[in-house]
């Protein structure tokens, strides 16, 4: 496995790994530290018990030092009032320091004496040996451990707490962390999907989900992008249907009036043919715009020489508009090669050129210019039609937008620039408009091609002939 195959720094993998590793280390620490603490509480004498037994040993030592066997006898006679178990005072060789001898049964216990620091197992009451505090070699107190000093009285309770309740609480915290990390954003995605199902296309995910830097954040941003795309597509289709129905009413009304008039058959046929051609062009342009907006499959790209493409476009434009070639000027040289789809780019430039020709004044000139801009070619098409209002520079790219009275000329359905923008954007470019003072400049930014040995390939490209036949 290569290092490049590992998840990214903000990947969900590292968050889950950190959470699980932290949980495992926490459980190990809990098992070691808390278990050790509970072991000390359940197997060793408490400080209070040690202090009491040490005090008994000090009293026994004082009785032996001051009174000998009689003093020890007096001490032992007072012990039953304080402790109920067996108590004795012995020397270092396990001989009684009192006047009462140690029985054989008691001797057996003396061979299994425990110190204060020894672990206490709950198997009866052990006998404890507590050396004299001042002179441990002089003797020791032997006492059957009182019941109240036996550790581990709540051993079962603490074992349940240690092995059941506390791990369960930490596991619950782990589940809460996993839920917040995984399930909460998935629930948000589910709610957005349900909103789509209810035709609520304007619903968006919360910033808490989309601002995440892991895979779920990427998924949330993809959901939002898909939602925006879906909403814009549906809105565009609805707008196109409304505008198309509106645009079709006018020619249909004219056809009805023409059919009810007393025109000659030739005039009626000419009127019907003109209106049908207009409606067909309207429907074709609308379907083309809808296709460009919804189709997301990548277009095949190739090297395109702008100068040669311009020559094909201007030839047909001059024929339609009766313009002379001198009025359609090109300052872009043969080194201008771009990457794109020939048919789609030709349609975009054709629509831009038709728009410029349509709105140019009598004797006006349309000029195509361009310059290399890094990895792109910046092209522009200028006319002398007077321009548009600054507030309309972006609106002219909307479908069915016609600025009546703002520029000279008429005709068209307001779809040409919308189709051009969608066609250019599908090829990784951009298009925008600006006023020049004498007219309108439409700027097009396209990906540049290397341009080496492309002339013969472009001339022999079958798509050129297809494009030429479509334009002409």
Protein backbone atom coordinates (compact mmCIF):
# COMPACT_ATOMS: atom_id res chain seq x y z
CA UNK A 1 0.00 0.00 0.00
CA UNK A 2 1.41 3.37 -1.05
CA UNK A 3 1.37 6.49 1.06
CA UNK A 4 -0.71 8.20 -1.63
CA UNK A 5 -3.42 5.56 -1.14
CA UNK A 6 -4.04 6.65 2.45
CA UNK A 7 -7.08 8.84 3.18
CA UNK A 8 -6.64 12.59 3.23
CA UNK A 9 -5.85 14.61 6.31
CA UNK A 10 -9.50 15.57 6.84
CA UNK A 11 -10.88 12.15 5.98
CA UNK A 12 -13.60 10.58 8.09
CA UNK A 13 -11.24 7.61 8.52
CA UNK A 14 -8.93 9.57 10.81
CA UNK A 15 -11.83 10.88 12.92
CA UNK A 16 -13.16 7.36 13.43
CA UNK A 17 -9.66 6.03 14.10
CA UNK A 18 -9.00 8.76 16.68
CA UNK A 19 -12.34 8.14 18.38
CA UNK A 20 -11.86 4.37 18.59
CA UNK A 21 -8.21 4.58 19.66
CA UNK A 22 -9.12 7.11 22.36
CA UNK A 23 -11.91 4.83 23.55
CA UNK A 24 -9.61 1.79 23.70
CA UNK A 25 -6.88 3.72 25.57
CA UNK A 26 -9.47 5.07 27.99
CA UNK A 27 -10.77 1.58 28.71
CA UNK A 28 -7.21 0.28 29.22
CA UNK A 29 -6.44 3.12 31.61
CA UNK A 30 -9.70 2.52 33.45
CA UNK A 31 -8.99 -1.18 33.75
CA UNK A 32 -5.50 -0.57 35.08
CA UNK A 33 -5.90 2.44 37.38
CA UNK A 34 -9.44 1.89 38.63
CA UNK A 35 -8.88 -1.84 38.96
CA UNK A 36 -5.75 -1.26 40.98
CA UNK A 37 -7.56 1.20 43.20
CA UNK A 38 -10.43 -1.21 43.79
CA UNK A 39 -7.98 -4.01 44.49
CA UNK A 40 -6.37 -1.94 47.22
CA UNK A 41 -9.75 -1.15 48.71
CA UNK A 42 -10.97 -4.75 48.60
CA UNK A 43 -7.80 -6.68 49.56
CA UNK A 44 -5.79 -4.41 51.86
CA UNK A 45 -6.51 -2.96 55.29
CA UNK A 46 -7.69 0.60 55.41
CA UNK A 47 -5.61 3.29 57.07
CA UNK A 48 -8.10 3.45 59.91
CA UNK A 49 -7.77 -0.29 60.57
CA UNK A 50 -3.96 -0.12 60.48
CA UNK A 51 -3.95 2.82 62.86
CA UNK A 52 -6.23 1.02 65.35
CA UNK A 53 -4.21 -2.21 65.30
CA UNK A 54 -0.95 -0.27 65.65
CA UNK A 55 -2.38 1.55 68.65
CA UNK A 56 -3.32 -1.80 70.23
CA UNK A 57 0.26 -2.98 69.67
CA UNK A 58 1.62 0.18 71.33
CA UNK A 59 -0.60 -0.40 74.38
CA UNK A 60 0.56 -4.01 74.58
CA UNK A 61 4.21 -2.90 74.37
CA UNK A 62 3.65 -0.33 77.12
CA UNK A 63 1.96 -2.95 79.34
CA UNK A 64 4.89 -5.37 78.84
CA UNK A 65 7.52 -2.68 79.43
CA UNK A 66 5.93 -1.27 82.57
CA UNK A 67 4.28 -4.28 84.14
CA UNK A 68 5.74 -7.42 82.57
CA UNK A 69 3.42 -10.42 82.43
CA UNK A 70 1.04 -8.85 84.93
CA UNK A 71 0.78 -5.76 82.78
CA UNK A 72 0.13 -7.90 79.69
CA UNK A 73 -2.53 -9.88 81.58
CA UNK A 74 -4.24 -6.63 82.53
CA UNK A 75 -4.11 -5.46 78.90
CA UNK A 76 -5.58 -8.74 77.62
CA UNK A 77 -8.39 -8.63 80.16
CA UNK A 78 -9.43 -5.19 78.84
CA UNK A 79 -9.41 -6.22 75.15
CA UNK A 80 -12.68 -8.27 75.10
CA UNK A 81 -14.50 -5.06 75.93
CA UNK A 82 -13.14 -3.55 72.69
CA UNK A 83 -12.73 -6.51 70.30
CA UNK A 84 -14.53 -9.84 70.30
CA UNK A 85 -11.83 -11.97 68.62
CA UNK A 86 -8.75 -13.75 69.99
CA UNK A 87 -5.97 -11.46 71.23
CA UNK A 88 -2.50 -12.40 72.44
CA UNK A 89 0.96 -10.96 73.04
CA UNK A 90 3.92 -13.10 71.97
CA UNK A 91 7.66 -12.82 71.85
CA UNK A 92 9.85 -13.19 68.81
CA UNK A 93 10.05 -16.97 69.27
CA UNK A 94 6.21 -17.27 69.37
CA UNK A 95 6.06 -17.64 73.19
CA UNK A 96 3.30 -15.99 75.19
CA UNK A 97 4.30 -12.89 77.13
CA UNK A 98 1.28 -13.25 79.40
CA UNK A 99 0.74 -15.69 82.26
CA UNK A 100 -1.67 -17.72 80.12
CA UNK A 101 -0.10 -20.39 77.92
CA UNK A 102 -0.88 -20.71 74.25
CA UNK A 103 -2.86 -23.82 73.35
CA UNK A 104 -1.88 -26.20 70.57
CA UNK A 105 -4.83 -25.01 68.51
CA UNK A 106 -3.67 -21.41 68.84
CA UNK A 107 -0.12 -22.41 67.88
CA UNK A 108 -1.42 -23.58 64.51
CA UNK A 109 -2.80 -20.10 63.88
CA UNK A 110 0.49 -18.51 64.93
CA UNK A 111 2.25 -20.22 62.04
CA UNK A 112 0.01 -18.38 59.50
CA UNK A 113 0.13 -14.83 60.80
CA UNK A 114 -0.33 -11.91 58.41
CA UNK A 115 1.27 -8.48 58.44
CA UNK A 116 -0.58 -5.19 58.18
CA UNK A 117 0.58 -4.68 54.58
CA UNK A 118 -0.46 -8.11 53.36
CA UNK A 119 -3.53 -8.64 51.14
CA UNK A 120 -6.52 -9.97 53.01
CA UNK A 121 -8.53 -12.72 51.32
CA UNK A 122 -12.06 -13.27 52.48
CA UNK A 123 -11.62 -16.84 53.80
CA UNK A 124 -12.50 -16.52 57.43
CA UNK A 125 -11.00 -13.98 59.82
CA UNK A 126 -7.20 -13.99 59.51
CA UNK A 127 -4.84 -13.59 62.48
CA UNK A 128 -2.73 -10.48 62.29
CA UNK A 129 0.75 -9.94 63.72
CA UNK A 130 1.46 -6.33 64.72
CA UNK A 131 5.07 -5.76 65.98
CA UNK A 132 5.69 -3.45 68.92
CA UNK A 133 6.15 0.06 67.49
CA UNK A 134 9.18 0.93 69.65
CA UNK A 135 10.99 -2.42 69.80
CA UNK A 136 9.68 -4.87 67.23
CA UNK A 137 12.13 -7.56 68.36
CA UNK A 138 10.73 -7.52 71.89
CA UNK A 139 7.35 -8.85 70.89
CA UNK A 140 4.21 -8.52 68.84
CA UNK A 141 0.50 -8.25 69.23
CA UNK A 142 -1.46 -11.12 67.67
CA UNK A 143 -5.12 -10.44 67.07
CA UNK A 144 -7.86 -12.11 65.13
CA UNK A 145 -8.87 -9.42 62.62
CA UNK A 146 -12.14 -7.84 63.77
CA UNK A 147 -15.01 -8.22 61.35
CA UNK A 148 -15.37 -4.48 61.02
CA UNK A 149 -11.82 -4.23 59.65
CA UNK A 150 -12.21 -6.89 56.97
CA UNK A 151 -11.84 -5.16 53.54
CA UNK A 152 -14.09 -5.83 50.58
CA UNK A 153 -17.44 -5.56 52.30
CA UNK A 154 -18.86 -3.95 49.12
CA UNK A 155 -16.78 -6.04 46.71
CA UNK A 156 -19.73 -7.23 44.61
CA UNK A 157 -21.14 -3.72 44.37
CA UNK A 158 -17.85 -2.21 43.25
CA UNK A 159 -17.24 -5.08 40.86
CA UNK A 160 -20.56 -4.34 39.19
CA UNK A 161 -19.66 -0.65 39.04
CA UNK A 162 -16.18 -1.32 37.68
CA UNK A 163 -16.95 -4.09 35.20
CA UNK A 164 -20.46 -3.09 34.17
CA UNK A 165 -21.67 0.44 34.84
CA UNK A 166 -18.54 2.45 34.04
CA UNK A 167 -17.66 0.58 30.79
CA UNK A 168 -21.33 0.87 29.81
CA UNK A 169 -21.24 4.65 30.33
CA UNK A 170 -18.07 5.03 28.27
CA UNK A 171 -19.53 2.83 25.53
CA UNK A 172 -22.63 5.02 25.56
CA UNK A 173 -20.42 8.08 25.13
CA UNK A 174 -18.72 6.33 22.20
CA UNK A 175 -22.12 5.66 20.64
CA UNK A 176 -23.09 9.31 21.12
CA UNK A 177 -19.88 10.40 19.40
CA UNK A 178 -20.44 8.00 16.49
CA UNK A 179 -24.05 9.15 16.21
CA UNK A 180 -23.08 12.81 16.04
CA UNK A 181 -20.24 12.04 13.63
CA UNK A 182 -22.13 9.76 11.24
CA UNK A 183 -25.87 9.56 11.81
CA UNK A 184 -26.70 13.25 12.32
CA UNK A 185 -25.38 14.37 8.90
CA UNK A 186 -26.99 11.31 7.28
CA UNK A 187 -30.31 12.32 8.87
CA UNK A 188 -29.88 15.79 7.37
CA UNK A 189 -29.28 14.23 3.96
CA UNK A 190 -32.38 12.09 4.42
CA UNK A 191 -34.46 15.14 5.34
CA UNK A 192 -33.24 16.94 2.23
CA UNK A 193 -34.09 13.92 0.06
CA UNK A 194 -37.57 13.83 1.63
CA UNK A 195 -37.92 17.54 0.90
CA UNK A 196 -37.09 16.87 -2.76
CA UNK A 197 -39.72 14.15 -2.80
CA UNK A 198 -42.19 16.74 -1.53
CA UNK A 199 -41.15 19.16 -4.36
CA UNK A 200 -39.38 21.46 -1.90
CA UNK A 201 -36.32 22.04 -4.10
CA UNK A 202 -35.22 25.13 -2.17
CA UNK A 203 -34.28 23.19 0.97
CA UNK A 204 -30.54 23.22 1.73
CA UNK A 205 -28.35 21.46 4.26
CA UNK A 206 -27.14 23.27 7.35
CA UNK A 207 -23.70 24.87 7.30
CA UNK A 208 -22.63 22.44 10.04
CA UNK A 209 -22.82 19.63 7.46
CA UNK A 210 -21.54 21.43 4.38
CA UNK A 211 -18.59 23.03 6.22
CA UNK A 212 -17.19 19.65 7.23
CA UNK A 213 -13.90 18.77 5.55
CA UNK A 214 -14.46 14.99 5.44
CA UNK A 215 -16.34 12.70 3.06
CA UNK A 216 -19.71 13.52 4.59
CA UNK A 217 -19.05 17.22 4.07
CA UNK A 218 -18.22 16.53 0.42
CA UNK A 219 -21.40 14.49 0.13
CA UNK A 220 -23.41 17.32 1.70
CA UNK A 221 -21.92 19.88 -0.69
CA UNK A 222 -22.67 17.53 -3.59
CA UNK A 223 -26.25 17.25 -2.36
CA UNK A 224 -26.59 21.02 -2.18
CA UNK A 225 -25.04 21.43 -5.62
CA UNK A 226 -27.37 18.78 -7.00
CA UNK A 227 -30.31 20.51 -5.33
CA UNK A 228 -29.35 23.87 -6.80
CA UNK A 229 -28.85 22.28 -10.19
CA UNK A 230 -32.17 20.49 -10.01
CA UNK A 231 -33.95 23.63 -8.85
CA UNK A 232 -32.43 25.76 -11.62
CA UNK A 233 -33.21 23.11 -14.25
CA UNK A 234 -36.83 22.81 -13.18
CA UNK A 235 -37.15 26.59 -12.96
CA UNK A 236 -35.63 26.99 -16.42
CA UNK A 237 -37.91 24.38 -17.93
CA UNK A 238 -40.95 25.98 -16.34
CA UNK A 239 -39.82 29.40 -17.54
CA UNK A 240 -39.17 28.06 -21.04
CA UNK A 241 -42.63 26.49 -21.15
CA UNK A 242 -44.25 29.74 -20.03
CA UNK A 243 -42.23 31.82 -22.46
CA UNK A 244 -42.68 29.34 -25.28
CA UNK A 245 -46.45 29.28 -24.81
CA UNK A 246 -46.45 33.06 -24.71
CA UNK A 247 -44.32 33.36 -27.85
CA UNK A 248 -46.47 30.85 -29.72
CA UNK A 249 -49.70 32.70 -28.99
CA UNK A 250 -48.76 35.62 -31.27
CA UNK A 251 -48.08 33.62 -34.48
CA UNK A 252 -51.06 31.40 -33.77
CA UNK A 253 -53.26 34.47 -33.40
CA UNK A 254 -51.92 35.84 -36.68
CA UNK A 255 -52.60 32.51 -38.35
CA UNK A 256 -56.18 32.55 -37.07
CA UNK A 257 -56.68 36.10 -38.32
CA UNK A 258 -55.11 35.20 -41.68
CA UNK A 259 -57.31 32.12 -42.04
CA UNK A 260 -60.43 34.18 -41.36
CA UNK A 261 -59.43 36.98 -43.72
CA UNK A 262 -60.25 37.21 -47.39
CA UNK A 263 -56.66 36.98 -48.59
CA UNK A 264 -55.82 35.13 -51.74
CA UNK A 265 -54.58 31.58 -51.53
CA UNK A 266 -51.05 32.58 -52.46
CA UNK A 267 -50.92 35.26 -49.79
CA UNK A 268 -52.36 32.88 -47.22
CA UNK A 269 -49.80 30.22 -48.05
CA UNK A 270 -46.99 32.76 -47.84
CA UNK A 271 -48.29 33.98 -44.44
CA UNK A 272 -48.69 30.42 -43.12
CA UNK A 273 -45.22 29.43 -44.33
CA UNK A 274 -43.61 32.46 -42.67
CA UNK A 275 -45.38 31.91 -39.38
CA UNK A 276 -44.66 28.15 -39.38
CA UNK A 277 -40.98 28.81 -40.11
CA UNK A 278 -40.86 31.24 -37.20
CA UNK A 279 -42.57 28.82 -34.84
CA UNK A 280 -40.28 26.00 -35.95
CA UNK A 281 -37.22 28.15 -35.35
CA UNK A 282 -38.60 29.13 -31.95
CA UNK A 283 -39.20 25.52 -30.95
CA UNK A 284 -35.79 24.41 -32.25
CA UNK A 285 -33.97 27.16 -30.35
CA UNK A 286 -35.93 26.45 -27.16
CA UNK A 287 -35.18 22.73 -27.34
CA UNK A 288 -31.53 23.47 -28.07
CA UNK A 289 -31.31 25.75 -25.03
CA UNK A 290 -33.02 23.16 -22.82
CA UNK A 291 -30.66 20.45 -24.09
CA UNK A 292 -27.56 22.55 -23.44
CA UNK A 293 -28.76 23.35 -19.93
CA UNK A 294 -29.62 19.77 -18.93
CA UNK A 295 -27.09 17.69 -20.86
CA UNK A 296 -23.94 17.15 -18.80
CA UNK A 297 -22.12 14.50 -20.81
CA UNK A 298 -18.66 15.77 -21.84
CA UNK A 299 -18.46 16.93 -25.45
CA UNK A 300 -15.68 15.59 -27.66
CA UNK A 301 -13.13 18.35 -28.08
CA UNK A 302 -10.67 19.05 -30.88
CA UNK A 303 -8.35 21.75 -32.11
CA UNK A 304 -10.26 24.59 -33.79
CA UNK A 305 -8.75 27.47 -35.73
CA UNK A 306 -10.83 30.57 -35.05
CA UNK A 307 -9.81 32.31 -38.29
CA UNK A 308 -11.07 29.44 -40.46
CA UNK A 309 -14.25 29.13 -38.40
CA UNK A 310 -14.86 32.87 -38.77
CA UNK A 311 -14.57 32.63 -42.54
CA UNK A 312 -17.29 29.95 -42.61
CA UNK A 313 -19.56 31.98 -40.38
CA UNK A 314 -19.14 35.31 -42.21
CA UNK A 315 -19.81 33.74 -45.59
CA UNK A 316 -23.30 32.72 -44.53
CA UNK A 317 -23.87 35.93 -42.53
CA UNK A 318 -23.09 38.08 -45.57
CA UNK A 319 -25.48 36.05 -47.69
CA UNK A 320 -28.34 36.43 -45.18
CA UNK A 321 -27.83 40.09 -44.35
CA UNK A 322 -26.56 41.27 -47.75
CA UNK A 323 -23.53 42.72 -45.99
CA UNK A 324 -20.21 43.02 -47.72
CA UNK A 325 -17.25 41.03 -46.40
CA UNK A 326 -15.50 44.32 -45.64
CA UNK A 327 -18.00 45.02 -42.85
CA UNK A 328 -17.16 41.75 -41.06
CA UNK A 329 -13.56 42.22 -40.03
CA UNK A 330 -11.22 39.83 -38.21
CA UNK A 331 -8.00 40.87 -36.49
CA UNK A 332 -7.27 37.40 -35.09
CA UNK A 333 -4.37 35.73 -36.91
CA UNK A 334 -3.94 32.08 -37.83
CA UNK A 335 -2.12 31.27 -34.58
CA UNK A 336 -5.40 31.37 -32.66
CA UNK A 337 -6.24 27.72 -31.93
CA UNK A 338 -8.64 26.70 -29.20
CA UNK A 339 -9.92 23.41 -27.78
CA UNK A 340 -13.64 22.74 -28.06
CA UNK A 341 -16.44 21.04 -29.90
CA UNK A 342 -16.66 22.41 -33.42
CA UNK A 343 -20.43 22.27 -33.89
CA UNK A 344 -21.22 23.70 -30.46
CA UNK A 345 -18.64 26.48 -30.70
CA UNK A 346 -19.74 27.34 -34.26
CA UNK A 347 -23.32 27.65 -33.09
CA UNK A 348 -22.28 29.94 -30.20
CA UNK A 349 -20.21 32.25 -32.45
CA UNK A 350 -22.92 32.20 -35.10
CA UNK A 351 -25.53 33.38 -32.58
CA UNK A 352 -23.20 36.13 -31.36
CA UNK A 353 -22.50 37.23 -34.92
CA UNK A 354 -26.20 37.20 -35.86
CA UNK A 355 -26.95 39.31 -32.78
CA UNK A 356 -24.25 41.84 -33.73
CA UNK A 357 -25.43 42.04 -37.33
CA UNK A 358 -29.07 42.38 -36.31
CA UNK A 359 -28.42 45.33 -34.01
CA UNK A 360 -25.83 47.15 -36.13
CA UNK A 361 -26.79 50.43 -37.80
CA UNK A 362 -26.65 51.00 -41.51
CA UNK A 363 -23.04 50.92 -42.59
CA UNK A 364 -21.93 49.51 -39.25
CA UNK A 365 -18.88 47.27 -38.87
CA UNK A 366 -18.56 44.09 -36.79
CA UNK A 367 -15.03 43.20 -35.67
CA UNK A 368 -13.64 39.98 -34.20
CA UNK A 369 -10.49 40.45 -32.11
CA UNK A 370 -8.51 38.39 -29.65
CA UNK A 371 -5.33 37.88 -27.68
CA UNK A 372 -3.59 35.06 -25.90
CA UNK A 373 -4.17 35.08 -22.14
CA UNK A 374 -2.06 32.37 -20.53
CA UNK A 375 -3.72 29.03 -21.15
CA UNK A 376 -6.75 30.72 -22.73
CA UNK A 377 -7.66 32.78 -25.75
CA UNK A 378 -9.66 35.92 -25.02
CA UNK A 379 -11.86 36.69 -28.05
CA UNK A 380 -14.28 39.57 -28.45
CA UNK A 381 -16.87 40.59 -31.01
CA UNK A 382 -17.65 44.32 -31.25
CA UNK A 383 -20.48 46.06 -33.08
CA UNK A 384 -21.47 49.70 -33.45
CA UNK A 385 -25.05 49.38 -32.29
CA UNK A 386 -24.86 51.79 -29.37
CA UNK A 387 -24.61 49.25 -26.56
CA UNK A 388 -27.13 48.52 -23.82
CA UNK A 389 -27.79 49.83 -20.35
CA UNK A 390 -25.26 48.71 -17.76
CA UNK A 391 -28.01 47.02 -15.77
CA UNK A 392 -28.90 44.90 -18.81
CA UNK A 393 -25.41 43.56 -19.56
CA UNK A 394 -26.18 40.34 -17.70
CA UNK A 395 -29.89 40.22 -18.46
CA UNK A 396 -29.34 39.88 -22.22
CA UNK A 397 -28.13 36.31 -21.63
CA UNK A 398 -31.46 35.28 -20.12
CA UNK A 399 -33.89 33.36 -22.37
CA UNK A 400 -36.52 35.39 -24.25
CA UNK A 401 -34.92 38.70 -23.29
CA UNK A 402 -35.38 41.41 -25.91
CA UNK A 403 -34.50 44.98 -25.05
CA UNK A 404 -37.08 46.65 -27.25
CA UNK A 405 -36.07 50.18 -28.14
CA UNK A 406 -32.70 49.99 -26.42
CA UNK A 407 -30.79 49.13 -29.60
CA UNK A 408 -31.69 49.60 -33.26
CA UNK A 409 -33.02 46.60 -35.15
CA UNK A 410 -35.52 43.90 -34.33
CA UNK A 411 -36.23 40.20 -34.91
CA UNK A 412 -35.33 37.02 -33.07
CA UNK A 413 -36.76 35.49 -29.94
CA UNK A 414 -34.12 36.42 -27.37
CA UNK A 415 -32.62 32.91 -27.27
CA UNK A 416 -29.41 33.35 -29.25
CA UNK A 417 -27.19 34.71 -26.48
CA UNK A 418 -28.60 32.23 -23.95
CA UNK A 419 -27.68 29.36 -26.28
CA UNK A 420 -24.26 30.91 -26.89
CA UNK A 421 -23.50 31.22 -23.16
CA UNK A 422 -24.56 27.63 -22.42
CA UNK A 423 -22.54 26.34 -25.38
CA UNK A 424 -19.39 28.21 -24.31
CA UNK A 425 -19.72 27.18 -20.67
CA UNK A 426 -20.08 23.53 -21.66
CA UNK A 427 -16.61 23.76 -23.21
CA UNK A 428 -14.96 25.18 -20.11
CA UNK A 429 -15.16 28.80 -21.24
CA UNK A 430 -17.02 31.90 -20.23
CA UNK A 431 -18.81 34.75 -21.95
CA UNK A 432 -19.76 38.23 -20.80
CA UNK A 433 -20.78 41.59 -22.27
CA UNK A 434 -19.51 45.14 -21.89
CA UNK A 435 -20.16 48.50 -23.49
CA UNK A 436 -17.45 50.14 -25.59
CA UNK A 437 -19.03 53.56 -26.02
CA UNK A 438 -19.92 52.96 -29.68
CA UNK A 439 -21.46 49.55 -29.31
CA UNK A 440 -21.53 46.28 -27.48
CA UNK A 441 -18.58 43.96 -26.99
CA UNK A 442 -19.21 40.27 -26.30
CA UNK A 443 -16.16 38.64 -24.70
CA UNK A 444 -15.49 34.92 -25.04
CA UNK A 445 -12.80 33.09 -23.11
CA UNK A 446 -11.81 29.67 -24.49
CA UNK A 447 -9.17 27.09 -23.65
CA UNK A 448 -6.13 27.52 -25.90
CA UNK A 449 -4.64 24.71 -27.98
CA UNK A 450 -0.96 24.15 -28.68
CA UNK A 451 -1.59 24.91 -32.36
CA UNK A 452 1.21 22.74 -33.75
CA UNK A 453 0.52 20.89 -37.03
CA UNK A 454 -3.21 21.48 -36.67
CA UNK A 455 -3.96 23.12 -40.04
CA UNK A 456 -4.09 19.90 -42.05
CA UNK A 457 -5.98 18.08 -39.30
CA UNK A 458 -8.60 20.82 -39.13
CA UNK A 459 -9.01 20.97 -42.88
CA UNK A 460 -9.49 17.20 -43.10
CA UNK A 461 -11.81 17.00 -40.09
CA UNK A 462 -15.23 15.63 -41.20
CA UNK A 463 -16.90 17.82 -38.60
CA UNK A 464 -15.82 20.89 -40.58
CA UNK A 465 -17.93 19.89 -43.53
CA UNK A 466 -20.82 19.00 -41.22
CA UNK A 467 -20.51 22.36 -39.54
CA UNK A 468 -20.28 24.15 -42.90
CA UNK A 469 -23.37 22.42 -44.22
CA UNK A 470 -25.32 23.22 -41.04
CA UNK A 471 -24.42 26.90 -41.19
CA UNK A 472 -25.03 27.28 -44.92
